[in-house]
Amino acid sequence: MAILLTELAAKQVKTIIEENKLPAETKLRIGVRGGGCSGMNYSLDLTEDPAGEADETIESHGVQIVIDSKSLIYLDGTEIDFKSDMVQSGFTFRNPNATSTCGCGSSFSA
């Protein structure tokens, strides 16, 4: 399996890169960090740094994704989408490895 971006999420990442005039080789780094109300938080960052030895590189809808091998254990099979409505907008995660999530949607346990 892998990590997948929906077309809408990929479009949003590309828009952020373009609006901030970041280099074309900018990648989306996805990871997991300890913390949050459910034990682990998702992290999303844009980076120009090359992938490290412990990183996996995946492409989804034209966006290069970099993820460290430890985070991949928790995120394998996750779909990342982008939602926008009148109240809020942001990236959402559908993680088949999460055993519980919190109301904010950015914290989970596995």
PDB file of N, CA and C in Angstrom:
ATOM      1  N   MET A   1       0.838  -1.191   0.000  1.00  0.00           N
ATOM      2  CA  MET A   1       0.000   0.000   0.000  1.00  0.00           C
ATOM      3  C   MET A   1       0.876   1.245   0.000  1.00  0.00           C
ATOM      4  N   ALA A   2       0.231   2.376   0.059  1.00  0.00           N
ATOM      5  CA  ALA A   2       0.948   3.648   0.029  1.00  0.00           C
ATOM      6  C   ALA A   2       0.086   4.714   0.683  1.00  0.00           C
ATOM      7  N   ILE A   3       0.551   5.918   0.593  1.00  0.00           N
ATOM      8  CA  ILE A   3      -0.220   7.071   1.015  1.00  0.00           C
ATOM      9  C   ILE A   3      -0.733   7.742  -0.252  1.00  0.00           C
ATOM     10  N   LEU A   4      -2.009   8.082  -0.258  1.00  0.00           N
ATOM     11  CA  LEU A   4      -2.616   8.675  -1.447  1.00  0.00           C
ATOM     12  C   LEU A   4      -3.170  10.050  -1.135  1.00  0.00           C
ATOM     13  N   LEU A   5      -2.990  10.962  -2.068  1.00  0.00           N
ATOM     14  CA  LEU A   5      -3.660  12.258  -2.013  1.00  0.00           C
ATOM     15  C   LEU A   5      -4.842  12.191  -2.953  1.00  0.00           C
ATOM     16  N   THR A   6      -5.958  12.760  -2.559  1.00  0.00           N
ATOM     17  CA  THR A   6      -7.054  12.900  -3.511  1.00  0.00           C
ATOM     18  C   THR A   6      -6.634  13.968  -4.517  1.00  0.00           C
ATOM     19  N   GLU A   7      -7.348  14.030  -5.623  1.00  0.00           N
ATOM     20  CA  GLU A   7      -7.039  15.058  -6.620  1.00  0.00           C
ATOM     21  C   GLU A   7      -7.162  16.455  -6.018  1.00  0.00           C
ATOM     22  N   LEU A   8      -8.167  16.655  -5.170  1.00  0.00           N
ATOM     23  CA  LEU A   8      -8.373  17.960  -4.548  1.00  0.00           C
ATOM     24  C   LEU A   8      -7.222  18.313  -3.603  1.00  0.00           C
ATOM     25  N   ALA A   9      -6.740  17.341  -2.825  1.00  0.00           N
ATOM     26  CA  ALA A   9      -5.618  17.589  -1.921  1.00  0.00           C
ATOM     27  C   ALA A   9      -4.353  17.895  -2.713  1.00  0.00           C
ATOM     28  N   ALA A  10      -4.113  17.149  -3.778  1.00  0.00           N
ATOM     29  CA  ALA A  10      -2.931  17.392  -4.608  1.00  0.00           C
ATOM     30  C   ALA A  10      -2.996  18.784  -5.234  1.00  0.00           C
ATOM     31  N   LYS A  11      -4.177  19.177  -5.698  1.00  0.00           N
ATOM     32  CA  LYS A  11      -4.352  20.511  -6.283  1.00  0.00           C
ATOM     33  C   LYS A  11      -4.057  21.589  -5.243  1.00  0.00           C
ATOM     34  N   GLN A  12      -4.492  21.380  -4.005  1.00  0.00           N
ATOM     35  CA  GLN A  12      -4.251  22.349  -2.946  1.00  0.00           C
ATOM     36  C   GLN A  12      -2.757  22.455  -2.626  1.00  0.00           C
ATOM     37  N   VAL A  13      -2.058  21.323  -2.577  1.00  0.00           N
ATOM     38  CA  VAL A  13      -0.612  21.338  -2.329  1.00  0.00           C
ATOM     39  C   VAL A  13       0.087  22.116  -3.439  1.00  0.00           C
ATOM     40  N   LYS A  14      -0.275  21.841  -4.689  1.00  0.00           N
ATOM     41  CA  LYS A  14       0.333  22.547  -5.822  1.00  0.00           C
ATOM     42  C   LYS A  14       0.045  24.047  -5.754  1.00  0.00           C
ATOM     43  N   THR A  15      -1.163  24.418  -5.364  1.00  0.00           N
ATOM     44  CA  THR A  15      -1.531  25.826  -5.235  1.00  0.00           C
ATOM     45  C   THR A  15      -0.675  26.508  -4.162  1.00  0.00           C
ATOM     46  N   ILE A  16      -0.493  25.850  -3.029  1.00  0.00           N
ATOM     47  CA  ILE A  16       0.328  26.413  -1.951  1.00  0.00           C
ATOM     48  C   ILE A  16       1.767  26.610  -2.437  1.00  0.00           C
ATOM     49  N   ILE A  17       2.294  25.633  -3.146  1.00  0.00           N
ATOM     50  CA  ILE A  17       3.662  25.740  -3.677  1.00  0.00           C
ATOM     51  C   ILE A  17       3.767  26.918  -4.632  1.00  0.00           C
ATOM     52  N   GLU A  18       2.800  27.048  -5.549  1.00  0.00           N
ATOM     53  CA  GLU A  18       2.820  28.136  -6.532  1.00  0.00           C
ATOM     54  C   GLU A  18       2.649  29.503  -5.872  1.00  0.00           C
ATOM     55  N   GLU A  19       1.680  29.611  -4.953  1.00  0.00           N
ATOM     56  CA  GLU A  19       1.410  30.901  -4.313  1.00  0.00           C
ATOM     57  C   GLU A  19       2.599  31.386  -3.480  1.00  0.00           C
ATOM     58  N   ASN A  20       3.357  30.453  -2.922  1.00  0.00           N
ATOM     59  CA  ASN A  20       4.517  30.816  -2.112  1.00  0.00           C
ATOM     60  C   ASN A  20       5.805  30.847  -2.924  1.00  0.00           C
ATOM     61  N   LYS A  21       5.658  30.672  -4.248  1.00  0.00           N
ATOM     62  CA  LYS A  21       6.792  30.721  -5.179  1.00  0.00           C
ATOM     63  C   LYS A  21       7.935  29.793  -4.741  1.00  0.00           C
ATOM     64  N   LEU A  22       7.553  28.582  -4.334  1.00  0.00           N
ATOM     65  CA  LEU A  22       8.534  27.580  -3.923  1.00  0.00           C
ATOM     66  C   LEU A  22       9.075  26.873  -5.161  1.00  0.00           C
ATOM     67  N   PRO A  23      10.286  26.344  -5.094  1.00  0.00           N
ATOM     68  CA  PRO A  23      10.876  25.658  -6.247  1.00  0.00           C
ATOM     69  C   PRO A  23      10.044  24.456  -6.697  1.00  0.00           C
ATOM     70  N   ALA A  24      10.153  24.126  -7.957  1.00  0.00           N
ATOM     71  CA  ALA A  24       9.396  23.011  -8.537  1.00  0.00           C
ATOM     72  C   ALA A  24       9.709  21.683  -7.860  1.00  0.00           C
ATOM     73  N   GLU A  25      10.906  21.530  -7.300  1.00  0.00           N
ATOM     74  CA  GLU A  25      11.279  20.261  -6.656  1.00  0.00           C
ATOM     75  C   GLU A  25      10.758  20.144  -5.218  1.00  0.00           C
ATOM     76  N   THR A  26       9.930  21.087  -4.781  1.00  0.00           N
ATOM     77  CA  THR A  26       9.355  21.040  -3.431  1.00  0.00           C
ATOM     78  C   THR A  26       8.490  19.793  -3.288  1.00  0.00           C
ATOM     79  N   LYS A  27       8.656  19.123  -2.156  1.00  0.00           N
ATOM     80  CA  LYS A  27       7.935  17.883  -1.867  1.00  0.00           C
ATOM     81  C   LYS A  27       7.077  18.058  -0.613  1.00  0.00           C
ATOM     82  N   LEU A  28       6.069  17.218  -0.486  1.00  0.00           N
ATOM     83  CA  LEU A  28       5.232  17.187   0.704  1.00  0.00           C
ATOM     84  C   LEU A  28       5.796  16.136   1.645  1.00  0.00           C
ATOM     85  N   ARG A  29       6.229  16.554   2.837  1.00  0.00           N
ATOM     86  CA  ARG A  29       6.720  15.608   3.842  1.00  0.00           C
ATOM     87  C   ARG A  29       5.583  15.335   4.812  1.00  0.00           C
ATOM     88  N   ILE A  30       5.262  14.053   4.947  1.00  0.00           N
ATOM     89  CA  ILE A  30       4.188  13.605   5.820  1.00  0.00           C
ATOM     90  C   ILE A  30       4.804  12.779   6.931  1.00  0.00           C
ATOM     91  N   GLY A  31       4.318  12.961   8.149  1.00  0.00           N
ATOM     92  CA  GLY A  31       4.858  12.189   9.256  1.00  0.00           C
ATOM     93  C   GLY A  31       3.881  12.082  10.406  1.00  0.00           C
ATOM     94  N   VAL A  32       4.348  11.413  11.438  1.00  0.00           N
ATOM     95  CA  VAL A  32       3.594  11.222  12.673  1.00  0.00           C
ATOM     96  C   VAL A  32       4.501  11.642  13.819  1.00  0.00           C
ATOM     97  N   ARG A  33       3.931  12.385  14.750  1.00  0.00           N
ATOM     98  CA  ARG A  33       4.666  12.803  15.946  1.00  0.00           C
ATOM     99  C   ARG A  33       3.842  12.448  17.168  1.00  0.00           C
ATOM    100  N   GLY A  34       4.514  12.159  18.263  1.00  0.00           N
ATOM    101  CA  GLY A  34       3.816  11.900  19.516  1.00  0.00           C
ATOM    102  C   GLY A  34       3.138  13.158  20.014  1.00  0.00           C
ATOM    103  N   GLY A  35       1.973  12.996  20.632  1.00  0.00           N
ATOM    104  CA  GLY A  35       1.251  14.135  21.199  1.00  0.00           C
ATOM    105  C   GLY A  35      -0.192  14.131  20.772  1.00  0.00           C
ATOM    106  N   GLY A  36      -0.872  15.199  21.092  1.00  0.00           N
ATOM    107  CA  GLY A  36      -2.287  15.305  20.746  1.00  0.00           C
ATOM    108  C   GLY A  36      -3.157  14.569  21.737  1.00  0.00           C
ATOM    109  N   CYS A  37      -4.437  14.772  21.633  1.00  0.00           N
ATOM    110  CA  CYS A  37      -5.347  14.169  22.609  1.00  0.00           C
ATOM    111  C   CYS A  37      -5.527  12.673  22.424  1.00  0.00           C
ATOM    112  N   SER A  38      -5.141  12.120  21.274  1.00  0.00           N
ATOM    113  CA  SER A  38      -5.259  10.671  21.063  1.00  0.00           C
ATOM    114  C   SER A  38      -3.910   9.957  21.060  1.00  0.00           C
ATOM    115  N   GLY A  39      -2.823  10.691  21.226  1.00  0.00           N
ATOM    116  CA  GLY A  39      -1.513  10.046  21.332  1.00  0.00           C
ATOM    117  C   GLY A  39      -0.544  10.338  20.206  1.00  0.00           C
ATOM    118  N   MET A  40      -1.032  10.536  18.974  1.00  0.00           N
ATOM    119  CA  MET A  40      -0.169  10.828  17.835  1.00  0.00           C
ATOM    120  C   MET A  40      -0.798  11.919  16.978  1.00  0.00           C
ATOM    121  N   ASN A  41       0.045  12.796  16.450  1.00  0.00           N
ATOM    122  CA  ASN A  41      -0.405  13.869  15.557  1.00  0.00           C
ATOM    123  C   ASN A  41       0.144  13.642  14.167  1.00  0.00           C
ATOM    124  N   TYR A  42      -0.661  13.988  13.164  1.00  0.00           N
ATOM    125  CA  TYR A  42      -0.186  14.009  11.789  1.00  0.00           C
ATOM    126  C   TYR A  42       0.640  15.272  11.590  1.00  0.00           C
ATOM    127  N   SER A  43       1.649  15.192  10.736  1.00  0.00           N
ATOM    128  CA  SER A  43       2.389  16.404  10.376  1.00  0.00           C
ATOM    129  C   SER A  43       2.521  16.481   8.858  1.00  0.00           C
ATOM    130  N   LEU A  44       2.347  17.685   8.339  1.00  0.00           N
ATOM    131  CA  LEU A  44       2.499  17.976   6.913  1.00  0.00           C
ATOM    132  C   LEU A  44       3.425  19.176   6.795  1.00  0.00           C
ATOM    133  N   ASP A  45       4.460  19.045   5.988  1.00  0.00           N
ATOM    134  CA  ASP A  45       5.387  20.140   5.745  1.00  0.00           C
ATOM    135  C   ASP A  45       5.793  20.122   4.278  1.00  0.00           C
ATOM    136  N   LEU A  46       6.165  21.264   3.767  1.00  0.00           N
ATOM    137  CA  LEU A  46       6.743  21.340   2.429  1.00  0.00           C
ATOM    138  C   LEU A  46       8.245  21.447   2.585  1.00  0.00           C
ATOM    139  N   THR A  47       8.985  20.690   1.767  1.00  0.00           N
ATOM    140  CA  THR A  47      10.439  20.682   1.881  1.00  0.00           C
ATOM    141  C   THR A  47      11.089  20.633   0.514  1.00  0.00           C
ATOM    142  N   GLU A  48      12.239  21.258   0.441  1.00  0.00           N
ATOM    143  CA  GLU A  48      13.065  21.175  -0.760  1.00  0.00           C
ATOM    144  C   GLU A  48      14.198  20.179  -0.556  1.00  0.00           C
ATOM    145  N   ASP A  49      14.363  19.717   0.683  1.00  0.00           N
ATOM    146  CA  ASP A  49      15.446  18.794   1.010  1.00  0.00           C
ATOM    147  C   ASP A  49      15.240  17.454   0.306  1.00  0.00           C
ATOM    148  N   PRO A  50      16.331  16.825  -0.119  1.00  0.00           N
ATOM    149  CA  PRO A  50      16.200  15.495  -0.718  1.00  0.00           C
ATOM    150  C   PRO A  50      15.781  14.477   0.338  1.00  0.00           C
ATOM    151  N   ALA A  51      15.183  13.402  -0.114  1.00  0.00           N
ATOM    152  CA  ALA A  51      14.790  12.329   0.800  1.00  0.00           C
ATOM    153  C   ALA A  51      16.029  11.721   1.435  1.00  0.00           C
ATOM    154  N   GLY A  52      15.923  11.361   2.710  1.00  0.00           N
ATOM    155  CA  GLY A  52      17.022  10.737   3.421  1.00  0.00           C
ATOM    156  C   GLY A  52      17.034   9.231   3.227  1.00  0.00           C
ATOM    157  N   GLU A  53      18.034   8.583   3.787  1.00  0.00           N
ATOM    158  CA  GLU A  53      18.163   7.127   3.644  1.00  0.00           C
ATOM    159  C   GLU A  53      16.986   6.379   4.252  1.00  0.00           C
ATOM    160  N   ALA A  54      16.393   6.916   5.323  1.00  0.00           N
ATOM    161  CA  ALA A  54      15.283   6.235   6.001  1.00  0.00           C
ATOM    162  C   ALA A  54      13.923   6.697   5.483  1.00  0.00           C
ATOM    163  N   ASP A  55      13.908   7.433   4.379  1.00  0.00           N
ATOM    164  CA  ASP A  55      12.661   7.959   3.816  1.00  0.00           C
ATOM    165  C   ASP A  55      12.183   7.135   2.637  1.00  0.00           C
ATOM    166  N   GLU A  56      10.878   7.116   2.476  1.00  0.00           N
ATOM    167  CA  GLU A  56      10.235   6.556   1.290  1.00  0.00           C
ATOM    168  C   GLU A  56       9.734   7.734   0.457  1.00  0.00           C
ATOM    169  N   THR A  57       9.778   7.600  -0.848  1.00  0.00           N
ATOM    170  CA  THR A  57       9.248   8.626  -1.738  1.00  0.00           C
ATOM    171  C   THR A  57       8.121   8.019  -2.556  1.00  0.00           C
ATOM    172  N   ILE A  58       6.996   8.720  -2.585  1.00  0.00           N
ATOM    173  CA  ILE A  58       5.794   8.265  -3.274  1.00  0.00           C
ATOM    174  C   ILE A  58       5.296   9.436  -4.117  1.00  0.00           C
ATOM    175  N   GLU A  59       4.672   9.143  -5.241  1.00  0.00           N
ATOM    176  CA  GLU A  59       4.065  10.190  -6.062  1.00  0.00           C
ATOM    177  C   GLU A  59       2.563   9.956  -6.098  1.00  0.00           C
ATOM    178  N   SER A  60       1.794  11.030  -5.919  1.00  0.00           N
ATOM    179  CA  SER A  60       0.342  10.925  -5.981  1.00  0.00           C
ATOM    180  C   SER A  60      -0.213  12.163  -6.674  1.00  0.00           C
ATOM    181  N   HIS A  61      -0.859  11.988  -7.810  1.00  0.00           N
ATOM    182  CA  HIS A  61      -1.451  13.078  -8.594  1.00  0.00           C
ATOM    183  C   HIS A  61      -0.446  14.191  -8.861  1.00  0.00           C
ATOM    184  N   GLY A  62       0.787  13.823  -9.156  1.00  0.00           N
ATOM    185  CA  GLY A  62       1.804  14.800  -9.514  1.00  0.00           C
ATOM    186  C   GLY A  62       2.517  15.456  -8.350  1.00  0.00           C
ATOM    187  N   VAL A  63       2.229  15.039  -7.129  1.00  0.00           N
ATOM    188  CA  VAL A  63       2.897  15.579  -5.945  1.00  0.00           C
ATOM    189  C   VAL A  63       3.844  14.518  -5.401  1.00  0.00           C
ATOM    190  N   GLN A  64       5.107  14.913  -5.203  1.00  0.00           N
ATOM    191  CA  GLN A  64       6.076  14.016  -4.590  1.00  0.00           C
ATOM    192  C   GLN A  64       5.871  14.046  -3.076  1.00  0.00           C
ATOM    193  N   ILE A  65       5.720  12.866  -2.476  1.00  0.00           N
ATOM    194  CA  ILE A  65       5.500  12.728  -1.041  1.00  0.00           C
ATOM    195  C   ILE A  65       6.712  12.035  -0.449  1.00  0.00           C
ATOM    196  N   VAL A  66       7.219  12.572   0.660  1.00  0.00           N
ATOM    197  CA  VAL A  66       8.331  11.959   1.383  1.00  0.00           C
ATOM    198  C   VAL A  66       7.823  11.605   2.771  1.00  0.00           C
ATOM    199  N   ILE A  67       8.121  10.384   3.206  1.00  0.00           N
ATOM    200  CA  ILE A  67       7.696   9.926   4.523  1.00  0.00           C
ATOM    201  C   ILE A  67       8.787   9.065   5.124  1.00  0.00           C
ATOM    202  N   ASP A  68       9.066   9.279   6.400  1.00  0.00           N
ATOM    203  CA  ASP A  68      10.077   8.454   7.053  1.00  0.00           C
ATOM    204  C   ASP A  68       9.499   7.069   7.321  1.00  0.00           C
ATOM    205  N   SER A  69      10.373   6.069   7.381  1.00  0.00           N
ATOM    206  CA  SER A  69       9.928   4.676   7.483  1.00  0.00           C
ATOM    207  C   SER A  69       9.162   4.399   8.780  1.00  0.00           C
ATOM    208  N   LYS A  70       9.473   5.097   9.859  1.00  0.00           N
ATOM    209  CA  LYS A  70       8.732   4.888  11.116  1.00  0.00           C
ATOM    210  C   LYS A  70       7.303   5.390  10.996  1.00  0.00           C
ATOM    211  N   SER A  71       7.108   6.540  10.372  1.00  0.00           N
ATOM    212  CA  SER A  71       5.753   7.072  10.189  1.00  0.00           C
ATOM    213  C   SER A  71       4.945   6.225   9.224  1.00  0.00           C
ATOM    214  N   LEU A  72       5.622   5.648   8.224  1.00  0.00           N
ATOM    215  CA  LEU A  72       4.923   4.837   7.230  1.00  0.00           C
ATOM    216  C   LEU A  72       4.205   3.659   7.875  1.00  0.00           C
ATOM    217  N   ILE A  73       4.746   3.132   8.953  1.00  0.00           N
ATOM    218  CA  ILE A  73       4.099   2.023   9.674  1.00  0.00           C
ATOM    219  C   ILE A  73       2.688   2.429  10.107  1.00  0.00           C
ATOM    220  N   TYR A  74       2.533   3.672  10.566  1.00  0.00           N
ATOM    221  CA  TYR A  74       1.239   4.155  11.058  1.00  0.00           C
ATOM    222  C   TYR A  74       0.349   4.724   9.957  1.00  0.00           C
ATOM    223  N   LEU A  75       0.943   5.091   8.824  1.00  0.00           N
ATOM    224  CA  LEU A  75       0.187   5.801   7.792  1.00  0.00           C
ATOM    225  C   LEU A  75      -0.041   5.008   6.514  1.00  0.00           C
ATOM    226  N   ASP A  76       0.495   3.805   6.410  1.00  0.00           N
ATOM    227  CA  ASP A  76       0.337   3.018   5.191  1.00  0.00           C
ATOM    228  C   ASP A  76      -1.147   2.827   4.895  1.00  0.00           C
ATOM    229  N   GLY A  77      -1.550   3.183   3.689  1.00  0.00           N
ATOM    230  CA  GLY A  77      -2.945   3.057   3.276  1.00  0.00           C
ATOM    231  C   GLY A  77      -3.782   4.294   3.545  1.00  0.00           C
ATOM    232  N   THR A  78      -3.187   5.345   4.106  1.00  0.00           N
ATOM    233  CA  THR A  78      -3.924   6.560   4.435  1.00  0.00           C
ATOM    234  C   THR A  78      -4.235   7.376   3.181  1.00  0.00           C
ATOM    235  N   GLU A  79      -5.443   7.908   3.128  1.00  0.00           N
ATOM    236  CA  GLU A  79      -5.839   8.825   2.068  1.00  0.00           C
ATOM    237  C   GLU A  79      -5.961  10.219   2.675  1.00  0.00           C
ATOM    238  N   ILE A  80      -5.310  11.177   2.039  1.00  0.00           N
ATOM    239  CA  ILE A  80      -5.359  12.567   2.491  1.00  0.00           C
ATOM    240  C   ILE A  80      -6.220  13.354   1.517  1.00  0.00           C
ATOM    241  N   ASP A  81      -7.200  14.053   2.063  1.00  0.00           N
ATOM    242  CA  ASP A  81      -8.123  14.843   1.259  1.00  0.00           C
ATOM    243  C   ASP A  81      -8.045  16.295   1.725  1.00  0.00           C
ATOM    244  N   PHE A  82      -8.670  17.183   0.996  1.00  0.00           N
ATOM    245  CA  PHE A  82      -8.770  18.589   1.395  1.00  0.00           C
ATOM    246  C   PHE A  82     -10.235  18.956   1.421  1.00  0.00           C
ATOM    247  N   LYS A  83     -10.691  19.474   2.549  1.00  0.00           N
ATOM    248  CA  LYS A  83     -12.088  19.880   2.711  1.00  0.00           C
ATOM    249  C   LYS A  83     -12.140  21.374   2.971  1.00  0.00           C
ATOM    250  N   SER A  84     -13.133  22.007   2.407  1.00  0.00           N
ATOM    251  CA  SER A  84     -13.328  23.434   2.630  1.00  0.00           C
ATOM    252  C   SER A  84     -14.823  23.705   2.694  1.00  0.00           C
ATOM    253  N   ASP A  85     -15.236  24.343   3.788  1.00  0.00           N
ATOM    254  CA  ASP A  85     -16.636  24.736   3.904  1.00  0.00           C
ATOM    255  C   ASP A  85     -16.698  26.106   4.575  1.00  0.00           C
ATOM    256  N   MET A  86     -17.863  26.539   4.952  1.00  0.00           N
ATOM    257  CA  MET A  86     -18.027  27.872   5.518  1.00  0.00           C
ATOM    258  C   MET A  86     -17.369  28.020   6.892  1.00  0.00           C
ATOM    259  N   VAL A  87     -17.166  26.928   7.590  1.00  0.00           N
ATOM    260  CA  VAL A  87     -16.622  26.981   8.943  1.00  0.00           C
ATOM    261  C   VAL A  87     -15.108  26.855   8.961  1.00  0.00           C
ATOM    262  N   GLN A  88     -14.577  25.914   8.178  1.00  0.00           N
ATOM    263  CA  GLN A  88     -13.132  25.679   8.210  1.00  0.00           C
ATOM    264  C   GLN A  88     -12.672  25.013   6.922  1.00  0.00           C
ATOM    265  N   SER A  89     -11.369  25.032   6.728  1.00  0.00           N
ATOM    266  CA  SER A  89     -10.789  24.305   5.608  1.00  0.00           C
ATOM    267  C   SER A  89      -9.474  23.700   6.069  1.00  0.00           C
ATOM    268  N   GLY A  90      -9.124  22.576   5.458  1.00  0.00           N
ATOM    269  CA  GLY A  90      -7.871  21.925   5.816  1.00  0.00           C
ATOM    270  C   GLY A  90      -7.801  20.514   5.278  1.00  0.00           C
ATOM    271  N   PHE A  91      -6.664  19.896   5.505  1.00  0.00           N
ATOM    272  CA  PHE A  91      -6.437  18.529   5.059  1.00  0.00           C
ATOM    273  C   PHE A  91      -7.052  17.562   6.057  1.00  0.00           C
ATOM    274  N   THR A  92      -7.641  16.493   5.538  1.00  0.00           N
ATOM    275  CA  THR A  92      -8.232  15.456   6.382  1.00  0.00           C
ATOM    276  C   THR A  92      -7.568  14.119   6.071  1.00  0.00           C
ATOM    277  N   PHE A  93      -7.585  13.229   7.033  1.00  0.00           N
ATOM    278  CA  PHE A  93      -6.902  11.943   6.928  1.00  0.00           C
ATOM    279  C   PHE A  93      -7.903  10.811   7.124  1.00  0.00           C
ATOM    280  N   ARG A  94      -7.899   9.855   6.191  1.00  0.00           N
ATOM    281  CA  ARG A  94      -8.646   8.605   6.356  1.00  0.00           C
ATOM    282  C   ARG A  94      -7.589   7.520   6.529  1.00  0.00           C
ATOM    283  N   ASN A  95      -7.327   7.190   7.791  1.00  0.00           N
ATOM    284  CA  ASN A  95      -6.237   6.289   8.144  1.00  0.00           C
ATOM    285  C   ASN A  95      -6.798   4.941   8.588  1.00  0.00           C
ATOM    286  N   PRO A  96      -6.599   3.881   7.807  1.00  0.00           N
ATOM    287  CA  PRO A  96      -7.126   2.566   8.187  1.00  0.00           C
ATOM    288  C   PRO A  96      -6.417   1.967   9.401  1.00  0.00           C
ATOM    289  N   ASN A  97      -5.284   2.530   9.804  1.00  0.00           N
ATOM    290  CA  ASN A  97      -4.534   2.018  10.949  1.00  0.00           C
ATOM    291  C   ASN A  97      -4.946   2.655  12.267  1.00  0.00           C
ATOM    292  N   ALA A  98      -5.728   3.723  12.229  1.00  0.00           N
ATOM    293  CA  ALA A  98      -6.146   4.420  13.444  1.00  0.00           C
ATOM    294  C   ALA A  98      -7.227   3.617  14.157  1.00  0.00           C
ATOM    295  N   THR A  99      -6.999   3.365  15.444  1.00  0.00           N
ATOM    296  CA  THR A  99      -8.009   2.665  16.234  1.00  0.00           C
ATOM    297  C   THR A  99      -8.975   3.643  16.884  1.00  0.00           C
ATOM    298  N   SER A 100      -8.536   4.899  17.052  1.00  0.00           N
ATOM    299  CA  SER A 100      -9.417   5.959  17.529  1.00  0.00           C
ATOM    300  C   SER A 100      -8.862   7.301  17.062  1.00  0.00           C
ATOM    301  N   THR A 101      -9.745   8.280  16.979  1.00  0.00           N
ATOM    302  CA  THR A 101      -9.349   9.630  16.598  1.00  0.00           C
ATOM    303  C   THR A 101     -10.016  10.611  17.546  1.00  0.00           C
ATOM    304  N   CYS A 102      -9.528  11.839  17.545  1.00  0.00           N
ATOM    305  CA  CYS A 102     -10.164  12.864  18.361  1.00  0.00           C
ATOM    306  C   CYS A 102     -11.041  13.734  17.467  1.00  0.00           C
ATOM    307  N   GLY A 103     -11.773  14.613  18.053  1.00  0.00           N
ATOM    308  CA  GLY A 103     -12.696  15.468  17.318  1.00  0.00           C
ATOM    309  C   GLY A 103     -12.022  16.433  16.363  1.00  0.00           C
ATOM    310  N   CYS A 104     -10.769  16.808  16.642  1.00  0.00           N
ATOM    311  CA  CYS A 104     -10.098  17.778  15.779  1.00  0.00           C
ATOM    312  C   CYS A 104      -9.643  17.160  14.467  1.00  0.00           C
ATOM    313  N   GLY A 105      -9.505  15.838  14.421  1.00  0.00           N
ATOM    314  CA  GLY A 105      -9.128  15.152  13.192  1.00  0.00           C
ATOM    315  C   GLY A 105      -7.638  15.138  12.914  1.00  0.00           C
ATOM    316  N   SER A 106      -6.826  15.744  13.776  1.00  0.00           N
ATOM    317  CA  SER A 106      -5.387  15.750  13.534  1.00  0.00           C
ATOM    318  C   SER A 106      -4.635  14.876  14.533  1.00  0.00           C
ATOM    319  N   SER A 107      -5.355  14.147  15.349  1.00  0.00           N
ATOM    320  CA  SER A 107      -4.731  13.282  16.350  1.00  0.00           C
ATOM    321  C   SER A 107      -5.406  11.909  16.296  1.00  0.00           C
ATOM    322  N   PHE A 108      -4.603  10.857  16.506  1.00  0.00           N
ATOM    323  CA  PHE A 108      -5.140   9.503  16.440  1.00  0.00           C
ATOM    324  C   PHE A 108      -4.318   8.569  17.322  1.00  0.00           C
ATOM    325  N   SER A 109      -4.831   7.386  17.531  1.00  0.00           N
ATOM    326  CA  SER A 109      -4.051   6.320  18.177  1.00  0.00           C
ATOM    327  C   SER A 109      -4.144   5.086  17.304  1.00  0.00           C
ATOM    328  N   ALA A 110      -3.112   4.257  17.415  1.00  0.00           N
ATOM    329  CA  ALA A 110      -3.075   3.053  16.584  1.00  0.00           C
ATOM    330  C   ALA A 110      -2.765   1.840  17.441  1.00  0.00           C
TER     331      ALA A 110
END
